[in-house]
Amino acid sequence: MILEGRTLAQQIRAPLQERAESVRQKLGRPICLCALGSSEDYAARLYLQKETDAAKKIGIETHIFDINNYTNADGFCQAVKTLATHAQTDAVLIPRPLPEQLAFSDFANYLNPRQDIDGMSITNAGRLFLCKTWEQIKQLPGFVPCTAMAVMRLLDFHHIDLEGKEAVVIGRSSTVGRPLAHLLSCKNATVKLCHSRTDLPRAVKNADIICSAAGTPGLLKTEWLKKGAVVIDISTNWSNNMLCGDANAQELDAAGIFYSPVPGGVGPVTLAVLLENIVLSGERKI
């Protein structure tokens, strides 16, 4: 079974233009998104342009501020500080990966949690990890990382039960792997968080749900998985002139394993959740 994401993405996006227009009428201006994006990472910039184009289509005002390999950490943090206090900036997006000198700066300390639509700020991350149950997650006043939440929405849409199940998350990034592992635990799954030093065949052999965000084509082998396993392939890789995930879709299909495709799985849902968060950032100002 293919756990496609396009249908869910359409459902999430369907009411957003009307909601954005309602905010515009009440605030007297459109919702405003500001993004700090690298001008030197072609793939990241292409995706950022896709995100901002999608936002414009539902009535969001968008601004992209360029950063590059020569942008210093102090200047970057000052830009984040400035946006945090700008009353007419509703949403702030900082796509990854960032240039190294910025990735390890303390910019997350300066993000305004009300603008932080991808859950990167210290406040939003802290609030997330203080939650123990899904009810607490739903009541959060801030935002959860979009990709992690997209995985949870996709699992729910396809009626994948997590209660008491063994889940494996491959990849321990602060933006995907770690928050996703926590969200799964809040749905009462038992979670293993794996990384480059993990014995993967052993880690996944009894897993009910495997979420892979390693960014390595061919990493996850079908023969490692038990019958009835569910694979959520989060990575978007470019290999042999094709987009692919961390697993071989054809092999998963042949083995009768449920999986999300790349493209067409987690990706469109992530974009939809991002747009939903932008609209929500405006609604919270009414």
C-alpha atoms as a PDB file:
ATOM      1  CA  MET A   1       0.000   0.000   0.000  1.00  0.00           C
ATOM      2  CA  ILE A   2       1.294   3.435  -0.914  1.00  0.00           C
ATOM      3  CA  LEU A   3       0.795   6.061   1.779  1.00  0.00           C
ATOM      4  CA  GLU A   4       0.506   9.004  -0.595  1.00  0.00           C
ATOM      5  CA  GLY A   5       0.437  12.541   0.780  1.00  0.00           C
ATOM      6  CA  ARG A   6      -1.052  14.634  -2.002  1.00  0.00           C
ATOM      7  CA  THR A   7      -4.682  14.026  -1.039  1.00  0.00           C
ATOM      8  CA  LEU A   8      -4.031  14.999   2.579  1.00  0.00           C
ATOM      9  CA  ALA A   9      -2.058  18.057   1.465  1.00  0.00           C
ATOM     10  CA  GLN A  10      -4.986  19.221  -0.655  1.00  0.00           C
ATOM     11  CA  GLN A  11      -7.333  18.815   2.313  1.00  0.00           C
ATOM     12  CA  ILE A  12      -5.069  20.882   4.564  1.00  0.00           C
ATOM     13  CA  ARG A  13      -4.602  23.609   1.951  1.00  0.00           C
ATOM     14  CA  ALA A  14      -8.253  23.850   0.833  1.00  0.00           C
ATOM     15  CA  PRO A  15      -9.458  26.353   3.490  1.00  0.00           C
ATOM     16  CA  LEU A  16      -6.246  28.370   3.807  1.00  0.00           C
ATOM     17  CA  GLN A  17      -6.926  31.063   1.218  1.00  0.00           C
ATOM     18  CA  GLU A  18     -10.271  31.880   2.814  1.00  0.00           C
ATOM     19  CA  ARG A  19      -8.696  31.929   6.280  1.00  0.00           C
ATOM     20  CA  ALA A  20      -5.869  34.191   5.056  1.00  0.00           C
ATOM     21  CA  GLU A  21      -8.396  36.587   3.515  1.00  0.00           C
ATOM     22  CA  SER A  22     -10.331  36.703   6.782  1.00  0.00           C
ATOM     23  CA  VAL A  23      -7.139  37.672   8.615  1.00  0.00           C
ATOM     24  CA  ARG A  24      -6.377  40.332   5.991  1.00  0.00           C
ATOM     25  CA  GLN A  25      -9.776  41.921   6.503  1.00  0.00           C
ATOM     26  CA  LYS A  26      -9.437  41.959  10.287  1.00  0.00           C
ATOM     27  CA  LEU A  27      -5.814  43.141  10.437  1.00  0.00           C
ATOM     28  CA  GLY A  28      -6.159  45.558   7.551  1.00  0.00           C
ATOM     29  CA  ARG A  29      -3.186  43.979   5.794  1.00  0.00           C
ATOM     30  CA  PRO A  30      -2.142  40.555   4.474  1.00  0.00           C
ATOM     31  CA  ILE A  31      -0.302  38.048   6.634  1.00  0.00           C
ATOM     32  CA  CYS A  32       3.436  38.670   6.210  1.00  0.00           C
ATOM     33  CA  LEU A  33       6.077  35.936   5.879  1.00  0.00           C
ATOM     34  CA  CYS A  34       9.794  36.780   6.016  1.00  0.00           C
ATOM     35  CA  ALA A  35      12.386  34.170   5.074  1.00  0.00           C
ATOM     36  CA  LEU A  36      16.145  34.244   5.602  1.00  0.00           C
ATOM     37  CA  GLY A  37      17.428  31.991   2.818  1.00  0.00           C
ATOM     38  CA  SER A  38      20.800  31.073   1.357  1.00  0.00           C
ATOM     39  CA  SER A  39      21.432  32.452  -2.117  1.00  0.00           C
ATOM     40  CA  GLU A  40      24.255  29.937  -2.717  1.00  0.00           C
ATOM     41  CA  ASP A  41      22.493  26.617  -2.054  1.00  0.00           C
ATOM     42  CA  TYR A  42      20.633  26.075  -5.325  1.00  0.00           C
ATOM     43  CA  ALA A  43      18.418  23.203  -4.143  1.00  0.00           C
ATOM     44  CA  ALA A  44      17.457  24.916  -0.893  1.00  0.00           C
ATOM     45  CA  ARG A  45      16.725  28.180  -2.691  1.00  0.00           C
ATOM     46  CA  LEU A  46      14.580  26.389  -5.263  1.00  0.00           C
ATOM     47  CA  TYR A  47      12.514  24.814  -2.501  1.00  0.00           C
ATOM     48  CA  LEU A  48      12.233  28.126  -0.644  1.00  0.00           C
ATOM     49  CA  GLN A  49      10.942  29.727  -3.830  1.00  0.00           C
ATOM     50  CA  LYS A  50       8.356  26.941  -4.094  1.00  0.00           C
ATOM     51  CA  GLU A  51       7.263  27.639  -0.522  1.00  0.00           C
ATOM     52  CA  THR A  52       6.972  31.397  -0.995  1.00  0.00           C
ATOM     53  CA  ASP A  53       5.153  30.979  -4.336  1.00  0.00           C
ATOM     54  CA  ALA A  54       2.640  28.680  -2.623  1.00  0.00           C
ATOM     55  CA  ALA A  55       2.201  31.258   0.153  1.00  0.00           C
ATOM     56  CA  LYS A  56       1.579  34.055  -2.350  1.00  0.00           C
ATOM     57  CA  LYS A  57      -1.156  31.997  -4.014  1.00  0.00           C
ATOM     58  CA  ILE A  58      -3.204  32.004  -0.815  1.00  0.00           C
ATOM     59  CA  GLY A  59      -2.716  35.726  -0.234  1.00  0.00           C
ATOM     60  CA  ILE A  60       0.404  35.830   1.927  1.00  0.00           C
ATOM     61  CA  GLU A  61       2.851  38.723   1.532  1.00  0.00           C
ATOM     62  CA  THR A  62       6.384  37.272   1.288  1.00  0.00           C
ATOM     63  CA  HIS A  63       9.901  38.684   1.600  1.00  0.00           C
ATOM     64  CA  ILE A  64      13.170  36.764   1.152  1.00  0.00           C
ATOM     65  CA  PHE A  65      16.347  38.146   2.728  1.00  0.00           C
ATOM     66  CA  ASP A  66      19.549  36.701   1.291  1.00  0.00           C
ATOM     67  CA  ILE A  67      22.248  35.046   3.366  1.00  0.00           C
ATOM     68  CA  ASN A  68      25.383  33.357   2.026  1.00  0.00           C
ATOM     69  CA  ASN A  69      28.720  31.837   2.994  1.00  0.00           C
ATOM     70  CA  TYR A  70      30.040  35.308   3.808  1.00  0.00           C
ATOM     71  CA  THR A  71      27.205  36.340   6.120  1.00  0.00           C
ATOM     72  CA  ASN A  72      28.624  36.544   9.629  1.00  0.00           C
ATOM     73  CA  ALA A  73      26.867  35.142  12.676  1.00  0.00           C
ATOM     74  CA  ASP A  74      26.453  38.508  14.388  1.00  0.00           C
ATOM     75  CA  GLY A  75      24.736  40.021  11.365  1.00  0.00           C
ATOM     76  CA  PHE A  76      22.498  36.985  10.967  1.00  0.00           C
ATOM     77  CA  CYS A  77      21.459  37.018  14.619  1.00  0.00           C
ATOM     78  CA  GLN A  78      20.790  40.757  14.421  1.00  0.00           C
ATOM     79  CA  ALA A  79      18.491  40.193  11.439  1.00  0.00           C
ATOM     80  CA  VAL A  80      16.571  37.556  13.416  1.00  0.00           C
ATOM     81  CA  LYS A  81      16.329  39.964  16.382  1.00  0.00           C
ATOM     82  CA  THR A  82      14.998  42.723  14.136  1.00  0.00           C
ATOM     83  CA  LEU A  83      12.289  40.519  12.649  1.00  0.00           C
ATOM     84  CA  ALA A  84      11.338  39.287  16.142  1.00  0.00           C
ATOM     85  CA  THR A  85      10.278  42.800  17.148  1.00  0.00           C
ATOM     86  CA  HIS A  86       8.715  43.835  13.831  1.00  0.00           C
ATOM     87  CA  ALA A  87       4.996  44.128  14.508  1.00  0.00           C
ATOM     88  CA  GLN A  88       3.919  43.468  10.917  1.00  0.00           C
ATOM     89  CA  THR A  89       6.031  40.327  10.479  1.00  0.00           C
ATOM     90  CA  ASP A  90       3.744  37.438  11.359  1.00  0.00           C
ATOM     91  CA  ALA A  91       5.839  34.456  10.300  1.00  0.00           C
ATOM     92  CA  VAL A  92       9.584  33.834   9.995  1.00  0.00           C
ATOM     93  CA  LEU A  93      11.103  30.943   8.058  1.00  0.00           C
ATOM     94  CA  ILE A  94      14.788  29.972   8.133  1.00  0.00           C
ATOM     95  CA  PRO A  95      15.311  27.059   5.709  1.00  0.00           C
ATOM     96  CA  ARG A  96      18.009  24.493   6.318  1.00  0.00           C
ATOM     97  CA  PRO A  97      20.757  23.711   5.688  1.00  0.00           C
ATOM     98  CA  LEU A  98      22.357  26.966   6.771  1.00  0.00           C
ATOM     99  CA  PRO A  99      25.958  27.907   6.012  1.00  0.00           C
ATOM    100  CA  GLU A 100      28.124  26.364   8.729  1.00  0.00           C
ATOM    101  CA  GLN A 101      29.037  29.636  10.419  1.00  0.00           C
ATOM    102  CA  LEU A 102      25.322  30.362  10.868  1.00  0.00           C
ATOM    103  CA  ALA A 103      24.098  26.851  11.675  1.00  0.00           C
ATOM    104  CA  PHE A 104      26.075  26.854  14.913  1.00  0.00           C
ATOM    105  CA  SER A 105      25.227  30.411  15.899  1.00  0.00           C
ATOM    106  CA  ASP A 106      22.743  31.134  18.681  1.00  0.00           C
ATOM    107  CA  PHE A 107      20.069  32.539  16.347  1.00  0.00           C
ATOM    108  CA  ALA A 108      17.416  30.217  17.823  1.00  0.00           C
ATOM    109  CA  ASN A 109      17.626  32.246  21.050  1.00  0.00           C
ATOM    110  CA  TYR A 110      16.340  35.307  19.193  1.00  0.00           C
ATOM    111  CA  LEU A 111      13.465  33.822  17.208  1.00  0.00           C
ATOM    112  CA  ASN A 112      10.078  35.090  18.298  1.00  0.00           C
ATOM    113  CA  PRO A 113       8.108  31.907  19.134  1.00  0.00           C
ATOM    114  CA  ARG A 114       4.906  33.482  17.773  1.00  0.00           C
ATOM    115  CA  GLN A 115       6.588  33.956  14.374  1.00  0.00           C
ATOM    116  CA  ASP A 116       8.589  30.718  14.448  1.00  0.00           C
ATOM    117  CA  ILE A 117       6.432  28.633  12.101  1.00  0.00           C
ATOM    118  CA  ASP A 118       8.915  25.729  11.905  1.00  0.00           C
ATOM    119  CA  GLY A 119       9.431  25.258  15.639  1.00  0.00           C
ATOM    120  CA  MET A 120      13.139  26.168  15.727  1.00  0.00           C
ATOM    121  CA  SER A 121      13.152  28.636  18.624  1.00  0.00           C
ATOM    122  CA  ILE A 122      14.368  27.677  22.078  1.00  0.00           C
ATOM    123  CA  THR A 123      10.904  28.422  23.466  1.00  0.00           C
ATOM    124  CA  ASN A 124       8.971  26.312  20.962  1.00  0.00           C
ATOM    125  CA  ALA A 125      11.448  23.430  21.170  1.00  0.00           C
ATOM    126  CA  GLY A 126      11.325  23.531  24.961  1.00  0.00           C
ATOM    127  CA  ARG A 127       7.545  23.560  25.033  1.00  0.00           C
ATOM    128  CA  LEU A 128       7.434  20.581  22.678  1.00  0.00           C
ATOM    129  CA  PHE A 129       9.773  18.449  24.752  1.00  0.00           C
ATOM    130  CA  LEU A 130       7.904  19.218  27.963  1.00  0.00           C
ATOM    131  CA  CYS A 131       4.813  17.534  26.491  1.00  0.00           C
ATOM    132  CA  LYS A 132       4.068  13.959  27.449  1.00  0.00           C
ATOM    133  CA  THR A 133       0.738  13.318  25.695  1.00  0.00           C
ATOM    134  CA  TRP A 134      -0.819  14.146  22.330  1.00  0.00           C
ATOM    135  CA  GLU A 135      -3.463  16.253  24.061  1.00  0.00           C
ATOM    136  CA  GLN A 136      -0.677  18.455  25.390  1.00  0.00           C
ATOM    137  CA  ILE A 137       0.834  18.667  21.893  1.00  0.00           C
ATOM    138  CA  LYS A 138      -2.505  19.865  20.488  1.00  0.00           C
ATOM    139  CA  GLN A 139      -2.697  22.607  23.119  1.00  0.00           C
ATOM    140  CA  LEU A 140       0.760  24.060  22.439  1.00  0.00           C
ATOM    141  CA  PRO A 141       0.652  27.842  21.926  1.00  0.00           C
ATOM    142  CA  GLY A 142       3.622  27.790  19.538  1.00  0.00           C
ATOM    143  CA  PHE A 143       4.608  25.655  16.566  1.00  0.00           C
ATOM    144  CA  VAL A 144       6.021  22.163  15.999  1.00  0.00           C
ATOM    145  CA  PRO A 145       8.616  21.466  13.250  1.00  0.00           C
ATOM    146  CA  CYS A 146       6.646  21.091  10.035  1.00  0.00           C
ATOM    147  CA  THR A 147       8.215  17.902   8.669  1.00  0.00           C
ATOM    148  CA  ALA A 148       7.815  16.041  11.959  1.00  0.00           C
ATOM    149  CA  MET A 149       4.183  17.110  12.212  1.00  0.00           C
ATOM    150  CA  ALA A 150       3.617  16.203   8.553  1.00  0.00           C
ATOM    151  CA  VAL A 151       4.691  12.625   9.297  1.00  0.00           C
ATOM    152  CA  MET A 152       2.228  12.429  12.177  1.00  0.00           C
ATOM    153  CA  ARG A 153      -0.585  13.841  10.032  1.00  0.00           C
ATOM    154  CA  LEU A 154       0.220  11.348   7.261  1.00  0.00           C
ATOM    155  CA  LEU A 155       0.170   8.388   9.658  1.00  0.00           C
ATOM    156  CA  ASP A 156      -3.156   9.544  11.081  1.00  0.00           C
ATOM    157  CA  PHE A 157      -4.644  10.125   7.620  1.00  0.00           C
ATOM    158  CA  HIS A 158      -3.853   6.545   6.624  1.00  0.00           C
ATOM    159  CA  HIS A 159      -5.133   5.150   9.947  1.00  0.00           C
ATOM    160  CA  ILE A 160      -1.766   3.798  11.103  1.00  0.00           C
ATOM    161  CA  ASP A 161      -2.220   3.000  14.784  1.00  0.00           C
ATOM    162  CA  LEU A 162       0.775   3.941  16.961  1.00  0.00           C
ATOM    163  CA  GLU A 163      -0.497   2.837  20.372  1.00  0.00           C
ATOM    164  CA  GLY A 164       2.000   0.359  21.839  1.00  0.00           C
ATOM    165  CA  LYS A 165       3.826  -0.044  18.519  1.00  0.00           C
ATOM    166  CA  GLU A 166       7.605  -0.153  18.099  1.00  0.00           C
ATOM    167  CA  ALA A 167       8.805   2.796  16.038  1.00  0.00           C
ATOM    168  CA  VAL A 168      12.268   3.550  14.676  1.00  0.00           C
ATOM    169  CA  VAL A 169      13.417   7.011  13.599  1.00  0.00           C
ATOM    170  CA  ILE A 170      16.575   7.109  11.478  1.00  0.00           C
ATOM    171  CA  GLY A 171      18.268  10.492  11.763  1.00  0.00           C
ATOM    172  CA  ARG A 172      18.691  12.585  14.904  1.00  0.00           C
ATOM    173  CA  SER A 173      18.519  16.153  13.594  1.00  0.00           C
ATOM    174  CA  SER A 174      16.974  18.798  15.827  1.00  0.00           C
ATOM    175  CA  THR A 175      14.523  19.736  13.067  1.00  0.00           C
ATOM    176  CA  VAL A 176      13.203  16.305  12.031  1.00  0.00           C
ATOM    177  CA  GLY A 177      14.479  13.196  13.802  1.00  0.00           C
ATOM    178  CA  ARG A 178      14.435  14.294  17.423  1.00  0.00           C
ATOM    179  CA  PRO A 179      11.073  16.106  17.377  1.00  0.00           C
ATOM    180  CA  LEU A 180       9.510  13.264  15.379  1.00  0.00           C
ATOM    181  CA  ALA A 181      10.712  10.683  17.901  1.00  0.00           C
ATOM    182  CA  HIS A 182       9.132  12.759  20.665  1.00  0.00           C
ATOM    183  CA  LEU A 183       5.837  13.154  18.804  1.00  0.00           C
ATOM    184  CA  LEU A 184       5.666   9.401  18.245  1.00  0.00           C
ATOM    185  CA  SER A 185       6.232   8.796  21.947  1.00  0.00           C
ATOM    186  CA  CYS A 186       3.406  11.230  22.745  1.00  0.00           C
ATOM    187  CA  LYS A 187       1.189   8.911  20.664  1.00  0.00           C
ATOM    188  CA  ASN A 188       2.303   6.053  22.939  1.00  0.00           C
ATOM    189  CA  ALA A 189       4.716   4.376  20.533  1.00  0.00           C
ATOM    190  CA  THR A 190       7.978   2.958  21.878  1.00  0.00           C
ATOM    191  CA  VAL A 191      10.695   4.744  19.957  1.00  0.00           C
ATOM    192  CA  LYS A 192      14.294   4.038  18.972  1.00  0.00           C
ATOM    193  CA  LEU A 193      16.275   7.011  17.660  1.00  0.00           C
ATOM    194  CA  CYS A 194      19.007   5.824  15.294  1.00  0.00           C
ATOM    195  CA  HIS A 195      22.059   7.491  13.767  1.00  0.00           C
ATOM    196  CA  SER A 196      25.265   6.754  11.870  1.00  0.00           C
ATOM    197  CA  ARG A 197      26.646   4.514  14.631  1.00  0.00           C
ATOM    198  CA  THR A 198      23.497   2.396  14.991  1.00  0.00           C
ATOM    199  CA  ASP A 199      23.353  -1.249  13.887  1.00  0.00           C
ATOM    200  CA  LEU A 200      20.388  -0.586  11.578  1.00  0.00           C
ATOM    201  CA  PRO A 201      19.503  -4.177  10.593  1.00  0.00           C
ATOM    202  CA  ARG A 202      19.200  -5.041  14.268  1.00  0.00           C
ATOM    203  CA  ALA A 203      17.352  -1.811  15.142  1.00  0.00           C
ATOM    204  CA  VAL A 204      14.631  -2.170  12.507  1.00  0.00           C
ATOM    205  CA  LYS A 205      14.061  -5.931  12.393  1.00  0.00           C
ATOM    206  CA  ASN A 206      11.136  -5.882  14.858  1.00  0.00           C
ATOM    207  CA  ALA A 207       9.903  -2.363  14.130  1.00  0.00           C
ATOM    208  CA  ASP A 208       6.284  -1.712  13.220  1.00  0.00           C
ATOM    209  CA  ILE A 209       6.946   1.796  11.882  1.00  0.00           C
ATOM    210  CA  ILE A 210      10.226   3.034  10.396  1.00  0.00           C
ATOM    211  CA  CYS A 211      10.669   6.744   9.683  1.00  0.00           C
ATOM    212  CA  SER A 212      13.842   7.431   7.725  1.00  0.00           C
ATOM    213  CA  ALA A 213      15.344  10.911   7.467  1.00  0.00           C
ATOM    214  CA  ALA A 214      18.988  10.018   6.875  1.00  0.00           C
ATOM    215  CA  GLY A 215      19.305  11.479   3.391  1.00  0.00           C
ATOM    216  CA  THR A 216      21.123   8.407   2.040  1.00  0.00           C
ATOM    217  CA  PRO A 217      19.730   6.619  -1.036  1.00  0.00           C
ATOM    218  CA  GLY A 218      19.520   2.860  -0.574  1.00  0.00           C
ATOM    219  CA  LEU A 219      20.228   3.026   3.161  1.00  0.00           C
ATOM    220  CA  LEU A 220      17.127   1.124   4.308  1.00  0.00           C
ATOM    221  CA  LYS A 221      17.077  -2.451   2.984  1.00  0.00           C
ATOM    222  CA  THR A 222      13.764  -4.227   2.458  1.00  0.00           C
ATOM    223  CA  GLU A 223      15.153  -7.553   3.681  1.00  0.00           C
ATOM    224  CA  TRP A 224      15.751  -6.032   7.120  1.00  0.00           C
ATOM    225  CA  LEU A 225      12.048  -5.360   7.643  1.00  0.00           C
ATOM    226  CA  LYS A 226       9.385  -7.612   9.047  1.00  0.00           C
ATOM    227  CA  LYS A 227       6.151  -8.367   7.233  1.00  0.00           C
ATOM    228  CA  GLY A 228       3.532  -5.705   7.907  1.00  0.00           C
ATOM    229  CA  ALA A 229       6.038  -2.946   8.641  1.00  0.00           C
ATOM    230  CA  VAL A 230       5.267   0.648   7.626  1.00  0.00           C
ATOM    231  CA  VAL A 231       8.014   2.816   6.116  1.00  0.00           C
ATOM    232  CA  ILE A 232       7.732   6.600   6.141  1.00  0.00           C
ATOM    233  CA  ASP A 233      10.465   7.839   3.820  1.00  0.00           C
ATOM    234  CA  ILE A 234      11.172  11.458   4.713  1.00  0.00           C
ATOM    235  CA  SER A 235      14.350  12.063   2.744  1.00  0.00           C
ATOM    236  CA  THR A 236      14.466  13.676  -0.672  1.00  0.00           C
ATOM    237  CA  ASN A 237      17.631  12.531  -2.448  1.00  0.00           C
ATOM    238  CA  TRP A 238      18.864  12.939  -6.003  1.00  0.00           C
ATOM    239  CA  SER A 239      20.309   9.706  -7.382  1.00  0.00           C
ATOM    240  CA  ASN A 240      20.738   8.467 -10.973  1.00  0.00           C
ATOM    241  CA  ASN A 241      18.950  11.592 -12.217  1.00  0.00           C
ATOM    242  CA  MET A 242      15.884  10.759 -10.137  1.00  0.00           C
ATOM    243  CA  LEU A 243      14.326  11.885  -6.871  1.00  0.00           C
ATOM    244  CA  CYS A 244      14.275   9.103  -4.322  1.00  0.00           C
ATOM    245  CA  GLY A 245      14.152   8.444  -0.597  1.00  0.00           C
ATOM    246  CA  ASP A 246      16.275   6.276   1.691  1.00  0.00           C
ATOM    247  CA  ALA A 247      14.504   3.062   0.648  1.00  0.00           C
ATOM    248  CA  ASN A 248      13.880   1.388  -2.698  1.00  0.00           C
ATOM    249  CA  ALA A 249      10.185   1.915  -3.429  1.00  0.00           C
ATOM    250  CA  GLN A 250       9.968  -0.910  -5.952  1.00  0.00           C
ATOM    251  CA  GLU A 251      11.420  -3.406  -3.472  1.00  0.00           C
ATOM    252  CA  LEU A 252       9.086  -2.236  -0.713  1.00  0.00           C
ATOM    253  CA  ASP A 253       6.121  -2.580  -3.062  1.00  0.00           C
ATOM    254  CA  ALA A 254       7.171  -6.073  -4.122  1.00  0.00           C
ATOM    255  CA  ALA A 255       7.518  -7.126  -0.476  1.00  0.00           C
ATOM    256  CA  GLY A 256       4.033  -5.858   0.375  1.00  0.00           C
ATOM    257  CA  ILE A 257       5.330  -3.225   2.788  1.00  0.00           C
ATOM    258  CA  PHE A 258       3.300  -0.048   3.314  1.00  0.00           C
ATOM    259  CA  TYR A 259       5.392   2.999   2.458  1.00  0.00           C
ATOM    260  CA  SER A 260       5.253   6.702   1.648  1.00  0.00           C
ATOM    261  CA  PRO A 261       6.625   7.498  -1.821  1.00  0.00           C
ATOM    262  CA  VAL A 262       9.297  10.041  -2.749  1.00  0.00           C
ATOM    263  CA  PRO A 263       8.112  12.303  -4.240  1.00  0.00           C
ATOM    264  CA  GLY A 264       4.444  12.504  -3.297  1.00  0.00           C
ATOM    265  CA  GLY A 265       4.517  11.365   0.310  1.00  0.00           C
ATOM    266  CA  VAL A 266       5.734  13.474   3.228  1.00  0.00           C
ATOM    267  CA  GLY A 267       6.875  16.384   1.021  1.00  0.00           C
ATOM    268  CA  PRO A 268       3.501  17.834  -0.055  1.00  0.00           C
ATOM    269  CA  VAL A 269       2.136  17.419   3.468  1.00  0.00           C
ATOM    270  CA  THR A 270       5.113  19.320   4.902  1.00  0.00           C
ATOM    271  CA  LEU A 271       4.443  22.236   2.567  1.00  0.00           C
ATOM    272  CA  ALA A 272       0.753  22.194   3.479  1.00  0.00           C
ATOM    273  CA  VAL A 273       1.546  22.209   7.210  1.00  0.00           C
ATOM    274  CA  LEU A 274       3.961  25.097   6.668  1.00  0.00           C
ATOM    275  CA  LEU A 275       1.255  27.122   4.901  1.00  0.00           C
ATOM    276  CA  GLU A 276      -1.227  26.257   7.639  1.00  0.00           C
ATOM    277  CA  ASN A 277       1.233  27.519  10.264  1.00  0.00           C
ATOM    278  CA  ILE A 278       1.746  30.786   8.369  1.00  0.00           C
ATOM    279  CA  VAL A 279      -2.006  31.378   8.367  1.00  0.00           C
ATOM    280  CA  LEU A 280      -2.212  30.422  12.048  1.00  0.00           C
ATOM    281  CA  SER A 281       0.521  32.949  12.894  1.00  0.00           C
ATOM    282  CA  GLY A 282      -1.703  35.649  11.459  1.00  0.00           C
ATOM    283  CA  GLU A 283      -4.891  34.350  13.095  1.00  0.00           C
ATOM    284  CA  ARG A 284      -3.240  34.498  16.503  1.00  0.00           C
ATOM    285  CA  LYS A 285      -2.834  38.276  16.094  1.00  0.00           C
ATOM    286  CA  ILE A 286      -6.560  38.897  15.696  1.00  0.00           C
END
